[in-house]
PDB file of all heavy atoms in Angstrom:
ATOM      1  N   GLN A   1       0.806  -1.197   0.009  1.00  0.00           N
ATOM      2  CA  GLN A   1      -0.006   0.006   0.002  1.00  0.00           C
ATOM      3  C   GLN A   1       0.857   1.253  -0.030  1.00  0.00           C
ATOM      4  O   GLN A   1       2.083   1.195   0.207  1.00  0.00           O
ATOM      5  CB  GLN A   1      -0.925  -0.035   1.248  1.00  0.00           C
ATOM      6  CG  GLN A   1      -1.838  -1.209   1.293  1.00  0.00           C
ATOM      7  CD  GLN A   1      -2.731  -1.370   0.081  1.00  0.00           C
ATOM      8  OE1 GLN A   1      -3.373  -0.372  -0.320  1.00  0.00           O
ATOM      9  NE2 GLN A   1      -2.852  -2.563  -0.462  1.00  0.00           N
ATOM     10  N   SER A   2       0.225   2.381  -0.147  1.00  0.00           N
ATOM     11  CA  SER A   2       0.950   3.656  -0.234  1.00  0.00           C
ATOM     12  C   SER A   2       1.448   4.055   1.171  1.00  0.00           C
ATOM     13  O   SER A   2       0.981   3.558   2.197  1.00  0.00           O
ATOM     14  CB  SER A   2       0.068   4.788  -0.752  1.00  0.00           C
ATOM     15  OG  SER A   2      -0.992   5.042   0.204  1.00  0.00           O
ATOM     16  N   ASP A   3       2.425   4.987   1.197  1.00  0.00           N
ATOM     17  CA  ASP A   3       2.914   5.486   2.456  1.00  0.00           C
ATOM     18  C   ASP A   3       1.826   6.176   3.259  1.00  0.00           C
ATOM     19  O   ASP A   3       1.737   6.056   4.495  1.00  0.00           O
ATOM     20  CB  ASP A   3       4.109   6.495   2.238  1.00  0.00           C
ATOM     21  CG  ASP A   3       5.341   5.807   1.709  1.00  0.00           C
ATOM     22  OD1 ASP A   3       5.492   4.589   1.914  1.00  0.00           O
ATOM     23  OD2 ASP A   3       6.157   6.469   1.092  1.00  0.00           O
ATOM     24  N   LEU A   4       0.983   6.897   2.513  1.00  0.00           N
ATOM     25  CA  LEU A   4      -0.135   7.578   3.229  1.00  0.00           C
ATOM     26  C   LEU A   4      -1.070   6.569   3.910  1.00  0.00           C
ATOM     27  O   LEU A   4      -1.518   6.773   5.032  1.00  0.00           O
ATOM     28  CB  LEU A   4      -0.978   8.399   2.198  1.00  0.00           C
ATOM     29  CG  LEU A   4      -2.142   9.168   2.787  1.00  0.00           C
ATOM     30  CD1 LEU A   4      -1.660  10.184   3.807  1.00  0.00           C
ATOM     31  CD2 LEU A   4      -2.960   9.863   1.725  1.00  0.00           C
ATOM     32  N   PHE A   5      -1.329   5.432   3.245  1.00  0.00           N
ATOM     33  CA  PHE A   5      -2.169   4.408   3.879  1.00  0.00           C
ATOM     34  C   PHE A   5      -1.548   3.911   5.153  1.00  0.00           C
ATOM     35  O   PHE A   5      -2.233   3.772   6.180  1.00  0.00           O
ATOM     36  CB  PHE A   5      -2.354   3.196   2.899  1.00  0.00           C
ATOM     37  CG  PHE A   5      -3.058   2.057   3.490  1.00  0.00           C
ATOM     38  CD1 PHE A   5      -4.490   2.016   3.514  1.00  0.00           C
ATOM     39  CD2 PHE A   5      -2.371   0.994   4.045  1.00  0.00           C
ATOM     40  CE1 PHE A   5      -5.098   0.973   4.074  1.00  0.00           C
ATOM     41  CE2 PHE A   5      -3.050  -0.095   4.624  1.00  0.00           C
ATOM     42  CZ  PHE A   5      -4.430  -0.118   4.648  1.00  0.00           C
ATOM     43  N   ASN A   6      -0.235   3.644   5.129  1.00  0.00           N
ATOM     44  CA  ASN A   6       0.453   3.165   6.329  1.00  0.00           C
ATOM     45  C   ASN A   6       0.412   4.183   7.503  1.00  0.00           C
ATOM     46  O   ASN A   6       0.240   3.821   8.629  1.00  0.00           O
ATOM     47  CB  ASN A   6       1.902   2.817   6.015  1.00  0.00           C
ATOM     48  CG  ASN A   6       2.025   1.667   5.048  1.00  0.00           C
ATOM     49  OD1 ASN A   6       1.186   0.753   5.069  1.00  0.00           O
ATOM     50  ND2 ASN A   6       3.050   1.657   4.251  1.00  0.00           N
ATOM     51  N   ILE A   7       0.512   5.440   7.126  1.00  0.00           N
ATOM     52  CA  ILE A   7       0.395   6.502   8.144  1.00  0.00           C
ATOM     53  C   ILE A   7      -0.979   6.579   8.753  1.00  0.00           C
ATOM     54  O   ILE A   7      -1.199   6.707   9.969  1.00  0.00           O
ATOM     55  CB  ILE A   7       0.804   7.879   7.548  1.00  0.00           C
ATOM     56  CG1 ILE A   7       2.248   7.851   7.043  1.00  0.00           C
ATOM     57  CG2 ILE A   7       0.633   8.992   8.569  1.00  0.00           C
ATOM     58  CD1 ILE A   7       2.602   9.037   6.148  1.00  0.00           C
ATOM     59  N   VAL A   8      -1.973   6.491   7.875  1.00  0.00           N
ATOM     60  CA  VAL A   8      -3.395   6.615   8.340  1.00  0.00           C
ATOM     61  C   VAL A   8      -3.799   5.484   9.242  1.00  0.00           C
ATOM     62  O   VAL A   8      -4.444   5.720  10.328  1.00  0.00           O
ATOM     63  CB  VAL A   8      -4.349   6.703   7.117  1.00  0.00           C
ATOM     64  CG1 VAL A   8      -5.793   6.457   7.507  1.00  0.00           C
ATOM     65  CG2 VAL A   8      -4.211   7.994   6.374  1.00  0.00           C
ATOM     66  N   ILE A   9      -3.421   4.237   8.949  1.00  0.00           N
ATOM     67  CA  ILE A   9      -3.793   3.145   9.769  1.00  0.00           C
ATOM     68  C   ILE A   9      -3.042   3.189  11.110  1.00  0.00           C
ATOM     69  O   ILE A   9      -3.579   2.796  12.150  1.00  0.00           O
ATOM     70  CB  ILE A   9      -3.652   1.732   9.115  1.00  0.00           C
ATOM     71  CG1 ILE A   9      -2.196   1.459   8.757  1.00  0.00           C
ATOM     72  CG2 ILE A   9      -4.522   1.664   7.842  1.00  0.00           C
ATOM     73  CD1 ILE A   9      -1.994  -0.012   8.259  1.00  0.00           C
ATOM     74  N   GLN A  10      -1.797   3.717  11.056  1.00  0.00           N
ATOM     75  CA  GLN A  10      -1.078   3.869  12.327  1.00  0.00           C
ATOM     76  C   GLN A  10      -1.757   4.891  13.217  1.00  0.00           C
ATOM     77  O   GLN A  10      -1.889   4.711  14.432  1.00  0.00           O
ATOM     78  CB  GLN A  10       0.379   4.278  12.035  1.00  0.00           C
ATOM     79  CG  GLN A  10       1.248   4.430  13.364  1.00  0.00           C
ATOM     80  CD  GLN A  10       2.565   5.026  13.066  1.00  0.00           C
ATOM     81  OE1 GLN A  10       2.675   6.133  12.530  1.00  0.00           O
ATOM     82  NE2 GLN A  10       3.606   4.327  13.447  1.00  0.00           N
ATOM     83  N   SER A  11      -2.197   5.957  12.606  1.00  0.00           N
ATOM     84  CA  SER A  11      -2.903   7.023  13.358  1.00  0.00           C
ATOM     85  C   SER A  11      -4.201   6.484  13.992  1.00  0.00           C
ATOM     86  O   SER A  11      -4.563   6.830  15.120  1.00  0.00           O
ATOM     87  CB  SER A  11      -3.263   8.212  12.448  1.00  0.00           C
ATOM     88  OG  SER A  11      -2.042   8.791  11.936  1.00  0.00           O
ATOM     89  N   GLY A  12      -4.881   5.573  13.226  1.00  0.00           N
ATOM     90  CA  GLY A  12      -6.084   4.969  13.784  1.00  0.00           C
ATOM     91  C   GLY A  12      -5.804   4.119  15.039  1.00  0.00           C
ATOM     92  O   GLY A  12      -6.523   4.212  16.043  1.00  0.00           O
ATOM     93  N   ALA A  13      -4.700   3.395  14.931  1.00  0.00           N
ATOM     94  CA  ALA A  13      -4.324   2.540  16.096  1.00  0.00           C
ATOM     95  C   ALA A  13      -3.916   3.398  17.298  1.00  0.00           C
ATOM     96  O   ALA A  13      -4.216   3.041  18.427  1.00  0.00           O
ATOM     97  CB  ALA A  13      -3.083   1.660  15.640  1.00  0.00           C
ATOM     98  N   VAL A  14      -3.301   4.504  17.070  1.00  0.00           N
ATOM     99  CA  VAL A  14      -2.882   5.420  18.176  1.00  0.00           C
ATOM    100  C   VAL A  14      -4.078   6.085  18.828  1.00  0.00           C
ATOM    101  O   VAL A  14      -4.226   6.086  20.020  1.00  0.00           O
ATOM    102  CB  VAL A  14      -1.897   6.485  17.632  1.00  0.00           C
ATOM    103  CG1 VAL A  14      -1.582   7.459  18.724  1.00  0.00           C
ATOM    104  CG2 VAL A  14      -0.610   5.820  17.113  1.00  0.00           C
ATOM    105  N   LEU A  15      -4.949   6.695  18.009  1.00  0.00           N
ATOM    106  CA  LEU A  15      -6.097   7.383  18.539  1.00  0.00           C
ATOM    107  C   LEU A  15      -7.029   6.513  19.306  1.00  0.00           C
ATOM    108  O   LEU A  15      -7.700   6.939  20.277  1.00  0.00           O
ATOM    109  CB  LEU A  15      -6.892   8.110  17.410  1.00  0.00           C
ATOM    110  CG  LEU A  15      -6.159   9.295  16.718  1.00  0.00           C
ATOM    111  CD1 LEU A  15      -6.912   9.728  15.503  1.00  0.00           C
ATOM    112  CD2 LEU A  15      -6.023  10.449  17.718  1.00  0.00           C
ATOM    113  N   ALA A  16      -7.106   5.234  18.945  1.00  0.00           N
ATOM    114  CA  ALA A  16      -8.021   4.305  19.567  1.00  0.00           C
ATOM    115  C   ALA A  16      -7.760   4.046  21.054  1.00  0.00           C
ATOM    116  O   ALA A  16      -8.639   3.606  21.789  1.00  0.00           O
ATOM    117  CB  ALA A  16      -8.072   3.031  18.816  1.00  0.00           C
ATOM    118  N   VAL A  17      -6.512   4.253  21.483  1.00  0.00           N
ATOM    119  CA  VAL A  17      -6.163   3.876  22.828  1.00  0.00           C
ATOM    120  C   VAL A  17      -6.489   4.969  23.866  1.00  0.00           C
ATOM    121  O   VAL A  17      -6.502   4.733  25.053  1.00  0.00           O
ATOM    122  CB  VAL A  17      -4.657   3.524  22.946  1.00  0.00           C
ATOM    123  CG1 VAL A  17      -4.257   2.434  21.983  1.00  0.00           C
ATOM    124  CG2 VAL A  17      -3.768   4.749  22.767  1.00  0.00           C
ATOM    125  N   LEU A  18      -6.832   6.162  23.388  1.00  0.00           N
ATOM    126  CA  LEU A  18      -7.079   7.277  24.305  1.00  0.00           C
ATOM    127  C   LEU A  18      -8.266   6.935  25.241  1.00  0.00           C
ATOM    128  O   LEU A  18      -8.174   7.236  26.409  1.00  0.00           O
ATOM    129  CB  LEU A  18      -7.421   8.523  23.478  1.00  0.00           C
ATOM    130  CG  LEU A  18      -6.208   9.250  22.805  1.00  0.00           C
ATOM    131  CD1 LEU A  18      -6.709  10.355  21.949  1.00  0.00           C
ATOM    132  CD2 LEU A  18      -5.280   9.749  23.870  1.00  0.00           C
ATOM    133  N   PRO A  19      -9.382   6.295  24.763  1.00  0.00           N
ATOM    134  CA  PRO A  19     -10.476   5.980  25.752  1.00  0.00           C
ATOM    135  C   PRO A  19     -10.055   4.943  26.791  1.00  0.00           C
ATOM    136  O   PRO A  19     -10.818   4.805  27.768  1.00  0.00           O
ATOM    137  CB  PRO A  19     -11.551   5.402  24.801  1.00  0.00           C
ATOM    138  CG  PRO A  19     -11.219   5.937  23.429  1.00  0.00           C
ATOM    139  CD  PRO A  19      -9.773   5.984  23.391  1.00  0.00           C
ATOM    140  N   LEU A  20      -8.961   4.281  26.623  1.00  0.00           N
ATOM    141  CA  LEU A  20      -8.572   3.275  27.563  1.00  0.00           C
ATOM    142  C   LEU A  20      -7.910   3.844  28.838  1.00  0.00           C
ATOM    143  O   LEU A  20      -7.609   3.111  29.781  1.00  0.00           O
ATOM    144  CB  LEU A  20      -7.586   2.270  26.948  1.00  0.00           C
ATOM    145  CG  LEU A  20      -8.196   1.408  25.863  1.00  0.00           C
ATOM    146  CD1 LEU A  20      -7.160   0.633  25.089  1.00  0.00           C
ATOM    147  CD2 LEU A  20      -9.262   0.475  26.473  1.00  0.00           C
ATOM    148  N   PHE A  21      -7.658   5.196  28.831  1.00  0.00           N
ATOM    149  CA  PHE A  21      -7.064   5.866  29.964  1.00  0.00           C
ATOM    150  C   PHE A  21      -7.979   6.973  30.448  1.00  0.00           C
ATOM    151  O   PHE A  21      -7.578   8.140  30.497  1.00  0.00           O
ATOM    152  CB  PHE A  21      -5.687   6.407  29.598  1.00  0.00           C
ATOM    153  CG  PHE A  21      -4.721   5.395  29.111  1.00  0.00           C
ATOM    154  CD1 PHE A  21      -4.484   5.158  27.779  1.00  0.00           C
ATOM    155  CD2 PHE A  21      -4.045   4.547  30.052  1.00  0.00           C
ATOM    156  CE1 PHE A  21      -3.574   4.190  27.334  1.00  0.00           C
ATOM    157  CE2 PHE A  21      -3.160   3.611  29.649  1.00  0.00           C
ATOM    158  CZ  PHE A  21      -2.918   3.406  28.268  1.00  0.00           C
ATOM    159  N   PRO A  22      -9.238   6.669  30.765  1.00  0.00           N
ATOM    160  CA  PRO A  22     -10.203   7.708  31.144  1.00  0.00           C
ATOM    161  C   PRO A  22      -9.770   8.518  32.353  1.00  0.00           C
ATOM    162  O   PRO A  22      -9.959   9.748  32.367  1.00  0.00           O
ATOM    163  CB  PRO A  22     -11.479   6.896  31.399  1.00  0.00           C
ATOM    164  CG  PRO A  22     -11.061   5.551  31.758  1.00  0.00           C
ATOM    165  CD  PRO A  22      -9.800   5.316  30.928  1.00  0.00           C
ATOM    166  N   GLU A  23      -9.204   7.867  33.365  1.00  0.00           N
ATOM    167  CA  GLU A  23      -8.812   8.552  34.583  1.00  0.00           C
ATOM    168  C   GLU A  23      -7.654   9.541  34.304  1.00  0.00           C
ATOM    169  O   GLU A  23      -7.635  10.692  34.763  1.00  0.00           O
ATOM    170  CB  GLU A  23      -8.388   7.571  35.658  1.00  0.00           C
ATOM    171  CG  GLU A  23      -9.501   6.745  36.167  1.00  0.00           C
ATOM    172  CD  GLU A  23     -10.684   7.556  36.736  1.00  0.00           C
ATOM    173  OE1 GLU A  23     -10.342   8.578  37.429  1.00  0.00           O
ATOM    174  OE2 GLU A  23     -11.795   7.235  36.542  1.00  0.00           O
ATOM    175  N   ARG A  24      -6.708   9.122  33.490  1.00  0.00           N
ATOM    176  CA  ARG A  24      -5.591   9.977  33.113  1.00  0.00           C
ATOM    177  C   ARG A  24      -6.090  11.159  32.238  1.00  0.00           C
ATOM    178  O   ARG A  24      -5.656  12.308  32.457  1.00  0.00           O
ATOM    179  CB  ARG A  24      -4.536   9.190  32.331  1.00  0.00           C
ATOM    180  CG  ARG A  24      -3.643   8.323  33.196  1.00  0.00           C
ATOM    181  CD  ARG A  24      -2.758   9.120  34.138  1.00  0.00           C
ATOM    182  NE  ARG A  24      -1.885   8.246  34.888  1.00  0.00           N
ATOM    183  CZ  ARG A  24      -1.100   8.586  35.946  1.00  0.00           C
ATOM    184  NH1 ARG A  24      -1.208   9.862  36.323  1.00  0.00           N
ATOM    185  NH2 ARG A  24      -0.380   7.753  36.538  1.00  0.00           N
ATOM    186  N   MET A  25      -6.970  10.879  31.304  1.00  0.00           N
ATOM    187  CA  MET A  25      -7.455  11.943  30.422  1.00  0.00           C
ATOM    188  C   MET A  25      -8.277  12.978  31.253  1.00  0.00           C
ATOM    189  O   MET A  25      -8.123  14.177  31.056  1.00  0.00           O
ATOM    190  CB  MET A  25      -8.344  11.312  29.322  1.00  0.00           C
ATOM    191  CG  MET A  25      -7.652  10.411  28.333  1.00  0.00           C
ATOM    192  SD  MET A  25      -6.342  11.228  27.450  1.00  0.00           S
ATOM    193  CE  MET A  25      -4.906  10.415  28.228  1.00  0.00           C
ATOM    194  N   ARG A  26      -9.061  12.490  32.181  1.00  0.00           N
ATOM    195  CA  ARG A  26      -9.816  13.359  33.038  1.00  0.00           C
ATOM    196  C   ARG A  26      -8.896  14.213  33.945  1.00  0.00           C
ATOM    197  O   ARG A  26      -9.073  15.426  34.133  1.00  0.00           O
ATOM    198  CB  ARG A  26     -10.760  12.511  33.921  1.00  0.00           C
ATOM    199  CG  ARG A  26     -11.864  13.330  34.634  1.00  0.00           C
ATOM    200  CD  ARG A  26     -12.847  12.434  35.385  1.00  0.00           C
ATOM    201  NE  ARG A  26     -13.535  11.563  34.453  1.00  0.00           N
ATOM    202  CZ  ARG A  26     -13.379  10.198  34.488  1.00  0.00           C
ATOM    203  NH1 ARG A  26     -12.536   9.661  35.320  1.00  0.00           N
ATOM    204  NH2 ARG A  26     -13.998   9.450  33.645  1.00  0.00           N
ATOM    205  N   GLN A  27      -7.824  13.532  34.396  1.00  0.00           N
ATOM    206  CA  GLN A  27      -6.826  14.209  35.248  1.00  0.00           C
ATOM    207  C   GLN A  27      -6.144  15.298  34.430  1.00  0.00           C
ATOM    208  O   GLN A  27      -5.974  16.460  34.914  1.00  0.00           O
ATOM    209  CB  GLN A  27      -5.820  13.168  35.702  1.00  0.00           C
ATOM    210  CG  GLN A  27      -4.734  13.743  36.628  1.00  0.00           C
ATOM    211  CD  GLN A  27      -3.688  12.680  37.002  1.00  0.00           C
ATOM    212  OE1 GLN A  27      -3.627  11.661  36.355  1.00  0.00           O
ATOM    213  NE2 GLN A  27      -2.924  12.975  38.054  1.00  0.00           N
ATOM    214  N   PHE A  28      -5.727  14.966  33.189  1.00  0.00           N
ATOM    215  CA  PHE A  28      -5.030  15.951  32.361  1.00  0.00           C
ATOM    216  C   PHE A  28      -5.897  17.151  32.046  1.00  0.00           C
ATOM    217  O   PHE A  28      -5.423  18.292  31.908  1.00  0.00           O
ATOM    218  CB  PHE A  28      -4.526  15.273  31.105  1.00  0.00           C
ATOM    219  CG  PHE A  28      -3.469  14.256  31.279  1.00  0.00           C
ATOM    220  CD1 PHE A  28      -3.259  13.258  30.319  1.00  0.00           C
ATOM    221  CD2 PHE A  28      -2.781  14.201  32.448  1.00  0.00           C
ATOM    222  CE1 PHE A  28      -2.287  12.292  30.506  1.00  0.00           C
ATOM    223  CE2 PHE A  28      -1.785  13.211  32.680  1.00  0.00           C
ATOM    224  CZ  PHE A  28      -1.543  12.293  31.723  1.00  0.00           C
ATOM    225  N   VAL A  29      -7.194  16.933  31.855  1.00  0.00           N
ATOM    226  CA  VAL A  29      -8.112  18.038  31.420  1.00  0.00           C
ATOM    227  C   VAL A  29      -8.587  18.843  32.583  1.00  0.00           C
ATOM    228  O   VAL A  29      -8.577  20.069  32.577  1.00  0.00           O
ATOM    229  CB  VAL A  29      -9.335  17.429  30.643  1.00  0.00           C
ATOM    230  CG1 VAL A  29     -10.346  18.555  30.341  1.00  0.00           C
ATOM    231  CG2 VAL A  29      -8.843  16.769  29.344  1.00  0.00           C
ATOM    232  N   PHE A  30      -9.024  18.166  33.698  1.00  0.00           N
ATOM    233  CA  PHE A  30      -9.698  18.873  34.782  1.00  0.00           C
ATOM    234  C   PHE A  30      -8.773  19.121  36.022  1.00  0.00           C
ATOM    235  O   PHE A  30      -9.159  19.921  36.885  1.00  0.00           O
ATOM    236  CB  PHE A  30     -10.937  18.117  35.165  1.00  0.00           C
ATOM    237  CG  PHE A  30     -11.934  17.991  34.121  1.00  0.00           C
ATOM    238  CD1 PHE A  30     -12.166  16.752  33.494  1.00  0.00           C
ATOM    239  CD2 PHE A  30     -12.679  19.071  33.670  1.00  0.00           C
ATOM    240  CE1 PHE A  30     -13.090  16.627  32.438  1.00  0.00           C
ATOM    241  CE2 PHE A  30     -13.623  18.967  32.619  1.00  0.00           C
ATOM    242  CZ  PHE A  30     -13.820  17.709  32.025  1.00  0.00           C
ATOM    243  N   GLN A  31      -7.694  18.357  36.065  1.00  0.00           N
ATOM    244  CA  GLN A  31      -6.841  18.528  37.301  1.00  0.00           C
ATOM    245  C   GLN A  31      -5.412  18.909  36.958  1.00  0.00           C
ATOM    246  O   GLN A  31      -4.491  18.601  37.655  1.00  0.00           O
ATOM    247  CB  GLN A  31      -6.840  17.206  38.064  1.00  0.00           C
ATOM    248  CG  GLN A  31      -8.236  16.758  38.503  1.00  0.00           C
ATOM    249  CD  GLN A  31      -8.208  15.340  39.144  1.00  0.00           C
ATOM    250  OE1 GLN A  31      -7.214  14.761  39.375  1.00  0.00           O
ATOM    251  NE2 GLN A  31      -9.415  14.841  39.331  1.00  0.00           N
ATOM    252  N   TRP A  32      -5.275  19.612  35.837  1.00  0.00           N
ATOM    253  CA  TRP A  32      -3.892  19.904  35.322  1.00  0.00           C
ATOM    254  C   TRP A  32      -3.197  20.911  36.253  1.00  0.00           C
ATOM    255  O   TRP A  32      -1.918  21.048  36.151  1.00  0.00           O
ATOM    256  CB  TRP A  32      -3.953  20.407  33.923  1.00  0.00           C
ATOM    257  CG  TRP A  32      -4.754  21.693  33.769  1.00  0.00           C
ATOM    258  CD1 TRP A  32      -6.064  21.809  33.469  1.00  0.00           C
ATOM    259  CD2 TRP A  32      -4.256  23.013  33.812  1.00  0.00           C
ATOM    260  NE1 TRP A  32      -6.469  23.156  33.391  1.00  0.00           N
ATOM    261  CE2 TRP A  32      -5.324  23.928  33.592  1.00  0.00           C
ATOM    262  CE3 TRP A  32      -3.032  23.565  34.090  1.00  0.00           C
ATOM    263  CZ2 TRP A  32      -5.229  25.314  33.628  1.00  0.00           C
ATOM    264  CZ3 TRP A  32      -2.879  24.964  34.109  1.00  0.00           C
ATOM    265  CH2 TRP A  32      -3.945  25.802  33.891  1.00  0.00           C
TER     266      TRP A  32
END
């Protein structure tokens, strides 16, 4: 596949893990 395709699917994999750290995300946003 193209280089752009490889970058896009990597970005999908990265963004997907954010919901797995709800306490940290809440801490970073509201308790910074």
